[in-house]
Amino acid sequence: EWRFPTAEPIPYQLNGGRVTSVWYDRVGGFAPTFPEQTTTVERSTDRLLKIIKEETKRRDPGSIIIGGFSMGGAIAYQTAARWHAANKTTLGGVFGLSCYLNHDSKVWSIFQEHKPTNWPPTFIAHGANDDFIFPGWGQETYERMVKMGLPAEFRIIPGMQHDMVAEEIAQLLEFLKENIKVSEFTSDEL
């Protein structure tokens, strides 16, 4: 089963404060050096954690993989960090496409406080020619994750900009096939 939650409309400072469907607000710019707007991140992660909690009533958490593209990938990292800090059960995986975490992201302090010993496999991919969310930002996030002992892989997709292409999707599907655990529940129980 697939679920595709979407961001809710909020005032977005980088769009002149106009209401826009985004996972969290940004102030100042896109670079990871700008401060994270943690209050708006928390609203989105709380909503996604509720969805995961609902799903775990029906299935093993190991059969749940959370991920997304751009802001969606960053909010997936944020949500997974909060899940693993509060739960002993491990999700099946995490993926982030063309995304990054801010230098002051709450994720880093969560990882410091709750050593991520139960962190699932993580797939990170980024377009080599992305001139919107620079590949170096995604790579820096990956390197920090690996330095903290997280099982992550990083792939640069040649020629890709800030979009998704067949090569990236094929690699993501391979990751999903390798990491989705078959649920303990039978279809009759669902």
Protein backbone atom coordinates (compact mmCIF):
# COMPACT_ATOMS: atom_id res chain seq x y z
CA GLU A 1 0.00 0.00 0.00
CA TRP A 2 1.25 3.46 -0.88
CA ARG A 3 0.37 6.72 0.89
CA PHE A 4 1.27 10.09 -0.55
CA PRO A 5 0.59 12.83 1.99
CA THR A 6 1.04 16.37 0.73
CA ALA A 7 2.21 19.55 2.38
CA GLU A 8 -0.44 21.83 3.84
CA PRO A 9 -0.76 25.49 2.82
CA ILE A 10 1.12 27.84 5.16
CA PRO A 11 2.52 31.38 4.86
CA TYR A 12 5.88 30.94 3.14
CA GLN A 13 8.40 33.71 3.71
CA LEU A 14 10.43 32.98 0.58
CA ASN A 15 7.23 33.60 -1.39
CA GLY A 16 6.61 36.98 0.19
CA GLY A 17 4.56 35.44 3.02
CA ARG A 18 1.91 34.19 0.60
CA VAL A 19 0.15 30.97 1.53
CA THR A 20 1.83 28.11 -0.32
CA SER A 21 1.73 24.31 0.04
CA VAL A 22 5.12 23.62 1.62
CA TRP A 23 6.26 21.25 4.37
CA TYR A 24 7.91 24.04 6.38
CA ASP A 25 8.80 27.70 6.16
CA ARG A 26 12.16 29.15 5.16
CA VAL A 27 13.52 32.56 6.07
CA GLY A 28 16.46 34.21 4.35
CA GLY A 29 17.11 31.70 1.59
CA PHE A 30 17.64 28.09 0.65
CA ALA A 31 21.26 27.61 1.72
CA PRO A 32 21.76 25.21 4.63
CA THR A 33 23.40 28.02 6.60
CA PHE A 34 20.03 29.75 7.06
CA PRO A 35 18.24 28.81 10.29
CA GLU A 36 15.72 26.00 10.29
CA GLN A 37 12.16 27.11 10.99
CA THR A 38 11.63 24.32 13.51
CA THR A 39 8.09 25.29 14.57
CA THR A 40 6.79 24.72 11.05
CA VAL A 41 8.87 21.55 10.68
CA GLU A 42 7.28 20.20 13.88
CA ARG A 43 3.74 20.77 12.58
CA SER A 44 4.50 18.65 9.52
CA THR A 45 6.40 15.93 11.35
CA ASP A 46 3.61 15.64 13.94
CA ARG A 47 1.13 15.09 11.12
CA LEU A 48 3.34 12.48 9.43
CA LEU A 49 4.10 10.71 12.70
CA LYS A 50 0.35 10.30 13.25
CA ILE A 51 0.08 8.63 9.86
CA ILE A 52 2.95 6.27 10.67
CA LYS A 53 1.40 5.47 14.07
CA GLU A 54 -1.94 4.66 12.36
CA GLU A 55 -0.16 2.42 9.88
CA THR A 56 1.68 0.51 12.63
CA LYS A 57 -1.68 -0.62 13.99
CA ARG A 58 -2.09 -2.57 10.75
CA ARG A 59 1.44 -3.46 9.76
CA ASP A 60 4.98 -3.95 10.97
CA PRO A 61 6.95 -0.65 11.07
CA GLY A 62 9.66 -2.44 9.08
CA SER A 63 7.30 -2.44 6.11
CA ILE A 64 7.07 1.37 6.16
CA ILE A 65 9.47 3.48 4.12
CA ILE A 66 9.25 7.26 4.30
CA GLY A 67 10.74 9.56 1.71
CA GLY A 68 10.24 12.41 -0.65
CA PHE A 69 11.59 14.87 -3.17
CA SER A 70 13.08 18.28 -2.26
CA MET A 71 11.26 19.57 0.85
CA GLY A 72 9.50 16.20 0.99
CA GLY A 73 12.84 14.42 1.35
CA ALA A 74 13.97 16.76 4.10
CA ILE A 75 10.69 16.30 5.99
CA ALA A 76 11.12 12.53 5.62
CA TYR A 77 14.52 12.77 7.37
CA GLN A 78 12.96 14.99 10.05
CA THR A 79 10.05 12.59 10.63
CA ALA A 80 12.22 9.47 10.67
CA ALA A 81 14.59 11.05 13.22
CA ARG A 82 11.69 11.82 15.53
CA TRP A 83 10.21 8.33 15.04
CA HIS A 84 13.46 6.60 15.90
CA ALA A 85 14.11 8.82 18.91
CA ALA A 86 10.70 7.89 20.37
CA ASN A 87 10.32 4.25 19.26
CA LYS A 88 12.36 1.08 19.54
CA THR A 89 10.94 -0.28 16.30
CA THR A 90 12.76 0.48 13.07
CA LEU A 91 11.12 1.74 9.91
CA GLY A 92 11.95 -0.14 6.72
CA GLY A 93 13.87 2.71 5.14
CA VAL A 94 14.20 6.40 4.40
CA PHE A 95 14.85 8.16 1.13
CA GLY A 96 15.59 11.72 0.15
CA LEU A 97 15.76 12.97 -3.42
CA SER A 98 17.33 16.35 -4.21
CA CYS A 99 17.15 17.48 -0.60
CA TYR A 100 19.28 18.42 2.40
CA LEU A 101 19.12 19.38 6.06
CA ASN A 102 20.07 22.81 7.43
CA HIS A 103 23.26 23.03 9.46
CA ASP A 104 21.22 23.80 12.60
CA SER A 105 18.51 21.22 11.86
CA LYS A 106 16.93 19.69 14.93
CA VAL A 107 17.74 16.30 13.39
CA TRP A 108 21.39 16.70 14.35
CA SER A 109 20.57 17.38 18.02
CA ILE A 110 18.10 14.46 18.02
CA PHE A 111 20.89 12.20 16.75
CA GLN A 112 23.25 13.52 19.44
CA GLU A 113 20.71 12.93 22.19
CA HIS A 114 19.32 9.61 20.91
CA LYS A 115 22.09 7.68 19.22
CA PRO A 116 20.48 6.37 16.03
CA THR A 117 21.28 2.69 16.58
CA ASN A 118 18.00 1.61 14.99
CA TRP A 119 18.20 3.86 11.93
CA PRO A 120 17.05 2.13 8.72
CA PRO A 121 18.83 2.01 5.36
CA THR A 122 18.78 5.44 3.68
CA PHE A 123 18.84 6.19 -0.03
CA ILE A 124 19.92 9.68 -1.09
CA ALA A 125 20.09 10.84 -4.70
CA HIS A 126 20.71 14.22 -6.24
CA GLY A 127 20.94 15.62 -9.74
CA ALA A 128 24.46 16.57 -10.77
CA ASN A 129 23.13 19.68 -12.52
CA ASP A 130 20.63 20.78 -9.86
CA ASP A 131 20.98 24.56 -9.71
CA PHE A 132 18.08 25.01 -7.26
CA ILE A 133 19.05 22.70 -4.39
CA PHE A 134 22.76 22.25 -4.96
CA PRO A 135 24.14 18.68 -4.97
CA GLY A 136 26.81 19.67 -2.43
CA TRP A 137 24.08 20.42 0.11
CA GLY A 138 22.66 16.91 -0.26
CA GLN A 139 26.13 15.39 -0.12
CA GLU A 140 26.95 17.35 3.03
CA THR A 141 23.80 15.97 4.70
CA TYR A 142 24.79 12.46 3.61
CA GLU A 143 28.33 12.87 4.96
CA ARG A 144 27.04 14.06 8.34
CA MET A 145 24.69 11.07 8.50
CA VAL A 146 27.50 8.63 7.70
CA LYS A 147 29.79 10.31 10.23
CA MET A 148 27.08 9.61 12.84
CA GLY A 149 27.06 5.95 11.84
CA LEU A 150 23.87 5.90 9.78
CA PRO A 151 23.56 3.36 6.97
CA ALA A 152 23.20 5.65 3.97
CA GLU A 153 24.11 5.67 0.30
CA PHE A 154 24.49 8.75 -1.89
CA ARG A 155 24.11 8.81 -5.64
CA ILE A 156 24.69 11.65 -8.07
CA ILE A 157 22.57 11.34 -11.20
CA PRO A 158 24.51 12.71 -14.20
CA GLY A 159 22.77 15.41 -16.20
CA MET A 160 19.79 15.61 -13.84
CA GLN A 161 18.56 18.97 -12.60
CA HIS A 162 15.99 19.58 -9.82
CA ASP A 163 13.65 16.92 -11.10
CA MET A 164 13.22 13.17 -11.22
CA VAL A 165 14.38 11.06 -14.16
CA ALA A 166 14.04 7.40 -15.11
CA GLU A 167 17.57 6.49 -13.92
CA GLU A 168 16.91 7.89 -10.44
CA ILE A 169 13.48 6.28 -10.19
CA ALA A 170 14.94 2.90 -11.22
CA GLN A 171 17.58 3.17 -8.49
CA LEU A 172 14.96 4.19 -5.93
CA LEU A 173 12.72 1.25 -6.90
CA GLU A 174 15.68 -1.11 -6.46
CA PHE A 175 16.28 0.35 -2.99
CA LEU A 176 12.60 -0.11 -2.13
CA LYS A 177 12.61 -3.73 -3.31
CA GLU A 178 15.69 -4.46 -1.21
CA ASN A 179 14.36 -2.85 1.95
CA ILE A 180 10.61 -3.36 2.19
CA LYS A 181 10.00 -6.10 4.71
CA VAL A 182 7.04 -8.36 4.21
CA SER A 183 4.45 -7.56 6.84
CA GLU A 184 3.66 -10.03 9.60
CA PHE A 185 -0.01 -9.44 8.89
CA THR A 186 -1.95 -11.48 6.34
CA SER A 187 -4.21 -9.79 3.85
CA ASP A 188 -7.21 -11.22 5.76
CA GLU A 189 -6.16 -9.20 8.81
CA LEU A 190 -6.00 -5.90 6.93
